[in-house]
Amino acid sequence: MGASAARPQSILFACTMNTVRSPMAEAIARHYFGREIYFASAGLKRGEPDPFAAAAMEEIGVDISRHKPHTFEDLEDSNFDLIITLSPEAHHKALEFTRAMAVDVVYWPTPDATATQGSRDQMLEAYRDVRERLTLRIKELLGRGPVARS
């Protein structure tokens, strides 16, 4: 999407299990732009809620502890202006899912924090890294909103 493209009104974030990357992205986007745009998330498979993802989000005041992982097939509405995929598997699924639709699908390569080994602090740091990368990309895509002038 170029700078002149219209801002999307509905965005789906997709990853593999809908437990870490896509729910974090959905919650971050909703936190900053939720009054202006509709956000949802889905995965290829339904995973189990991830306590590290919830902890990393809690640090920035965003609660995802009640997020229920779901799949593309669970979506009540499939009319999205943009689908942002966060894993290669989700990208392939989104392209297949939207074959007959006029929807943009973009891939944001995002590390899988669940693959991190080590201490609790090392693992939490991997989730924080994902959170910060997603926050930066979302703010870049949608802009920070109106800037207050003094």
C-alpha atoms as a PDB file:
ATOM      1  CA  MET A   1       0.000   0.000   0.000  1.00  0.00           C
ATOM      2  CA  GLY A   2       1.470   3.313  -1.071  1.00  0.00           C
ATOM      3  CA  ALA A   3       1.134   6.567   0.791  1.00  0.00           C
ATOM      4  CA  SER A   4      -1.744   7.605  -1.453  1.00  0.00           C
ATOM      5  CA  ALA A   5      -3.740   4.401  -0.845  1.00  0.00           C
ATOM      6  CA  ALA A   6      -6.886   4.720   1.216  1.00  0.00           C
ATOM      7  CA  ARG A   7      -6.531   3.682   4.829  1.00  0.00           C
ATOM      8  CA  PRO A   8      -8.053   0.233   5.383  1.00  0.00           C
ATOM      9  CA  GLN A   9     -11.256   0.123   7.430  1.00  0.00           C
ATOM     10  CA  SER A  10     -10.916  -3.542   8.440  1.00  0.00           C
ATOM     11  CA  ILE A  11      -7.737  -5.548   9.000  1.00  0.00           C
ATOM     12  CA  LEU A  12      -7.202  -9.225   9.775  1.00  0.00           C
ATOM     13  CA  PHE A  13      -3.923 -10.332  11.348  1.00  0.00           C
ATOM     14  CA  ALA A  14      -3.100 -13.982  10.705  1.00  0.00           C
ATOM     15  CA  CYS A  15      -0.472 -16.392  12.026  1.00  0.00           C
ATOM     16  CA  THR A  16      -0.135 -20.106  12.600  1.00  0.00           C
ATOM     17  CA  MET A  17      -1.895 -20.781  15.936  1.00  0.00           C
ATOM     18  CA  ASN A  18      -3.587 -17.430  16.793  1.00  0.00           C
ATOM     19  CA  THR A  19      -1.922 -17.491  20.208  1.00  0.00           C
ATOM     20  CA  VAL A  20       1.016 -15.044  20.035  1.00  0.00           C
ATOM     21  CA  ARG A  21       1.724 -12.960  16.922  1.00  0.00           C
ATOM     22  CA  SER A  22      -1.752 -12.303  15.524  1.00  0.00           C
ATOM     23  CA  PRO A  23      -3.538 -11.682  18.854  1.00  0.00           C
ATOM     24  CA  MET A  24      -0.688  -9.375  19.917  1.00  0.00           C
ATOM     25  CA  ALA A  25      -0.980  -7.475  16.620  1.00  0.00           C
ATOM     26  CA  GLU A  26      -4.766  -7.288  16.902  1.00  0.00           C
ATOM     27  CA  ALA A  27      -4.569  -5.974  20.479  1.00  0.00           C
ATOM     28  CA  ILE A  28      -1.839  -3.414  19.661  1.00  0.00           C
ATOM     29  CA  ALA A  29      -3.761  -2.149  16.624  1.00  0.00           C
ATOM     30  CA  ARG A  30      -6.999  -1.963  18.586  1.00  0.00           C
ATOM     31  CA  HIS A  31      -5.196  -0.152  21.426  1.00  0.00           C
ATOM     32  CA  TYR A  32      -3.951   2.610  19.092  1.00  0.00           C
ATOM     33  CA  PHE A  33      -6.546   2.668  16.291  1.00  0.00           C
ATOM     34  CA  GLY A  34      -9.587   0.768  17.575  1.00  0.00           C
ATOM     35  CA  ARG A  35     -12.018   3.667  17.293  1.00  0.00           C
ATOM     36  CA  GLU A  36     -11.215   4.139  13.612  1.00  0.00           C
ATOM     37  CA  ILE A  37     -10.658   0.643  12.186  1.00  0.00           C
ATOM     38  CA  TYR A  38     -12.054  -2.880  12.744  1.00  0.00           C
ATOM     39  CA  PHE A  39      -9.416  -5.480  13.689  1.00  0.00           C
ATOM     40  CA  ALA A  40      -9.548  -9.263  14.015  1.00  0.00           C
ATOM     41  CA  SER A  41      -7.086 -12.150  14.138  1.00  0.00           C
ATOM     42  CA  ALA A  42      -7.037 -15.806  13.125  1.00  0.00           C
ATOM     43  CA  GLY A  43      -4.708 -18.747  12.749  1.00  0.00           C
ATOM     44  CA  LEU A  44      -4.422 -21.885  10.646  1.00  0.00           C
ATOM     45  CA  LYS A  45      -4.899 -24.012  13.744  1.00  0.00           C
ATOM     46  CA  ARG A  46      -6.396 -23.157  17.116  1.00  0.00           C
ATOM     47  CA  GLY A  47      -3.652 -23.122  19.746  1.00  0.00           C
ATOM     48  CA  GLU A  48      -3.735 -22.670  23.504  1.00  0.00           C
ATOM     49  CA  PRO A  49      -3.519 -19.164  25.031  1.00  0.00           C
ATOM     50  CA  ASP A  50       0.110 -18.212  25.701  1.00  0.00           C
ATOM     51  CA  PRO A  51       0.950 -16.784  29.143  1.00  0.00           C
ATOM     52  CA  PHE A  52       4.173 -15.136  27.886  1.00  0.00           C
ATOM     53  CA  ALA A  53       2.218 -13.243  25.204  1.00  0.00           C
ATOM     54  CA  ALA A  54      -0.236 -12.066  27.877  1.00  0.00           C
ATOM     55  CA  ALA A  55       2.646 -11.013  30.166  1.00  0.00           C
ATOM     56  CA  ALA A  56       4.437  -9.056  27.414  1.00  0.00           C
ATOM     57  CA  MET A  57       1.222  -7.230  26.524  1.00  0.00           C
ATOM     58  CA  GLU A  58       0.361  -6.572  30.161  1.00  0.00           C
ATOM     59  CA  GLU A  59       3.633  -4.601  30.408  1.00  0.00           C
ATOM     60  CA  ILE A  60       2.214  -2.003  27.997  1.00  0.00           C
ATOM     61  CA  GLY A  61      -1.216  -1.988  29.645  1.00  0.00           C
ATOM     62  CA  VAL A  62      -2.978  -4.176  27.070  1.00  0.00           C
ATOM     63  CA  ASP A  63      -4.912  -7.223  28.304  1.00  0.00           C
ATOM     64  CA  ILE A  64      -5.076 -10.252  25.989  1.00  0.00           C
ATOM     65  CA  SER A  65      -5.597 -12.795  28.772  1.00  0.00           C
ATOM     66  CA  ARG A  66      -9.181 -13.478  27.629  1.00  0.00           C
ATOM     67  CA  HIS A  67      -8.265 -13.966  23.947  1.00  0.00           C
ATOM     68  CA  LYS A  68      -9.764 -17.190  22.551  1.00  0.00           C
ATOM     69  CA  PRO A  69      -7.648 -18.555  19.668  1.00  0.00           C
ATOM     70  CA  HIS A  70      -9.615 -19.214  16.493  1.00  0.00           C
ATOM     71  CA  THR A  71      -9.122 -20.155  12.849  1.00  0.00           C
ATOM     72  CA  PHE A  72      -9.984 -18.634   9.477  1.00  0.00           C
ATOM     73  CA  GLU A  73     -13.033 -20.909   9.400  1.00  0.00           C
ATOM     74  CA  ASP A  74     -14.272 -19.398  12.702  1.00  0.00           C
ATOM     75  CA  LEU A  75     -14.417 -15.859  11.285  1.00  0.00           C
ATOM     76  CA  GLU A  76     -17.969 -14.504  11.228  1.00  0.00           C
ATOM     77  CA  ASP A  77     -17.077 -11.961   8.564  1.00  0.00           C
ATOM     78  CA  SER A  78     -14.449 -12.470   5.886  1.00  0.00           C
ATOM     79  CA  ASN A  79     -14.782  -9.004   4.322  1.00  0.00           C
ATOM     80  CA  PHE A  80     -11.463  -7.382   5.162  1.00  0.00           C
ATOM     81  CA  ASP A  81      -9.712  -4.568   3.301  1.00  0.00           C
ATOM     82  CA  LEU A  82      -6.329  -5.947   4.289  1.00  0.00           C
ATOM     83  CA  ILE A  83      -4.957  -9.218   5.642  1.00  0.00           C
ATOM     84  CA  ILE A  84      -1.544  -9.016   7.286  1.00  0.00           C
ATOM     85  CA  THR A  85       0.124 -12.397   7.635  1.00  0.00           C
ATOM     86  CA  LEU A  86       2.811 -12.950  10.246  1.00  0.00           C
ATOM     87  CA  SER A  87       3.993 -16.466   9.358  1.00  0.00           C
ATOM     88  CA  PRO A  88       4.719 -18.134   5.985  1.00  0.00           C
ATOM     89  CA  GLU A  89       1.992 -20.754   6.594  1.00  0.00           C
ATOM     90  CA  ALA A  90      -0.574 -18.056   7.317  1.00  0.00           C
ATOM     91  CA  HIS A  91       0.452 -16.193   4.172  1.00  0.00           C
ATOM     92  CA  HIS A  92      -0.223 -19.233   1.985  1.00  0.00           C
ATOM     93  CA  LYS A  93      -3.577 -19.797   3.715  1.00  0.00           C
ATOM     94  CA  ALA A  94      -4.593 -16.133   3.324  1.00  0.00           C
ATOM     95  CA  LEU A  95      -3.793 -16.177  -0.395  1.00  0.00           C
ATOM     96  CA  GLU A  96      -5.898 -19.327  -0.788  1.00  0.00           C
ATOM     97  CA  PHE A  97      -8.666 -17.893   1.450  1.00  0.00           C
ATOM     98  CA  THR A  98      -8.919 -14.666  -0.600  1.00  0.00           C
ATOM     99  CA  ARG A  99      -8.513 -16.121  -4.082  1.00  0.00           C
ATOM    100  CA  ALA A 100     -11.965 -14.922  -5.174  1.00  0.00           C
ATOM    101  CA  MET A 101     -11.949 -11.664  -3.151  1.00  0.00           C
ATOM    102  CA  ALA A 102     -10.638  -8.169  -3.766  1.00  0.00           C
ATOM    103  CA  VAL A 103      -8.461  -7.926  -0.679  1.00  0.00           C
ATOM    104  CA  ASP A 104      -4.802  -7.010  -0.215  1.00  0.00           C
ATOM    105  CA  VAL A 105      -2.647  -9.622   1.504  1.00  0.00           C
ATOM    106  CA  VAL A 106       0.744  -8.562   2.840  1.00  0.00           C
ATOM    107  CA  TYR A 107       3.393 -10.603   4.625  1.00  0.00           C
ATOM    108  CA  TRP A 108       5.242  -9.176   7.629  1.00  0.00           C
ATOM    109  CA  PRO A 109       7.937 -11.731   8.543  1.00  0.00           C
ATOM    110  CA  THR A 110       7.686 -11.952  12.336  1.00  0.00           C
ATOM    111  CA  PRO A 111       9.819 -14.185  14.580  1.00  0.00           C
ATOM    112  CA  ASP A 112       8.102 -17.034  16.410  1.00  0.00           C
ATOM    113  CA  ALA A 113       8.728 -16.211  20.082  1.00  0.00           C
ATOM    114  CA  THR A 114       7.567 -19.694  21.118  1.00  0.00           C
ATOM    115  CA  ALA A 115      10.727 -21.151  19.512  1.00  0.00           C
ATOM    116  CA  THR A 116      12.922 -19.323  22.054  1.00  0.00           C
ATOM    117  CA  GLN A 117      14.678 -21.479  24.642  1.00  0.00           C
ATOM    118  CA  GLY A 118      16.240 -20.342  27.895  1.00  0.00           C
ATOM    119  CA  SER A 119      15.304 -18.666  31.147  1.00  0.00           C
ATOM    120  CA  ARG A 120      11.950 -17.015  31.766  1.00  0.00           C
ATOM    121  CA  ASP A 121      13.609 -13.619  31.221  1.00  0.00           C
ATOM    122  CA  GLN A 122      15.137 -14.703  27.892  1.00  0.00           C
ATOM    123  CA  MET A 123      11.794 -16.043  26.724  1.00  0.00           C
ATOM    124  CA  LEU A 124       9.913 -12.929  27.828  1.00  0.00           C
ATOM    125  CA  GLU A 125      12.484 -10.807  25.979  1.00  0.00           C
ATOM    126  CA  ALA A 126      11.631 -12.667  22.728  1.00  0.00           C
ATOM    127  CA  TYR A 127       7.925 -11.858  23.230  1.00  0.00           C
ATOM    128  CA  ARG A 128       8.777  -8.210  23.967  1.00  0.00           C
ATOM    129  CA  ASP A 129      10.763  -8.111  20.722  1.00  0.00           C
ATOM    130  CA  VAL A 130       7.743  -9.391  18.774  1.00  0.00           C
ATOM    131  CA  ARG A 131       5.503  -6.844  20.539  1.00  0.00           C
ATOM    132  CA  GLU A 132       7.834  -3.957  19.689  1.00  0.00           C
ATOM    133  CA  ARG A 133       8.274  -5.036  16.045  1.00  0.00           C
ATOM    134  CA  LEU A 134       4.504  -5.297  15.609  1.00  0.00           C
ATOM    135  CA  THR A 135       3.880  -1.940  17.302  1.00  0.00           C
ATOM    136  CA  LEU A 136       6.373  -0.237  14.992  1.00  0.00           C
ATOM    137  CA  ARG A 137       4.934  -1.829  11.815  1.00  0.00           C
ATOM    138  CA  ILE A 138       1.327  -1.064  12.788  1.00  0.00           C
ATOM    139  CA  LYS A 139       2.120   2.577  13.596  1.00  0.00           C
ATOM    140  CA  GLU A 140       4.054   2.856  10.302  1.00  0.00           C
ATOM    141  CA  LEU A 141       1.128   1.400   8.346  1.00  0.00           C
ATOM    142  CA  LEU A 142      -1.687   3.357   9.971  1.00  0.00           C
ATOM    143  CA  GLY A 143       0.092   6.481  11.164  1.00  0.00           C
ATOM    144  CA  ARG A 144       0.051   7.710  14.727  1.00  0.00           C
ATOM    145  CA  GLY A 145      -3.148   9.656  14.264  1.00  0.00           C
ATOM    146  CA  PRO A 146      -3.597  13.416  14.577  1.00  0.00           C
ATOM    147  CA  VAL A 147      -0.687  15.259  16.128  1.00  0.00           C
ATOM    148  CA  ALA A 148      -1.627  17.820  18.755  1.00  0.00           C
ATOM    149  CA  ARG A 149      -0.323  21.274  17.850  1.00  0.00           C
ATOM    150  CA  SER A 150       0.557  23.762  20.543  1.00  0.00           C
END
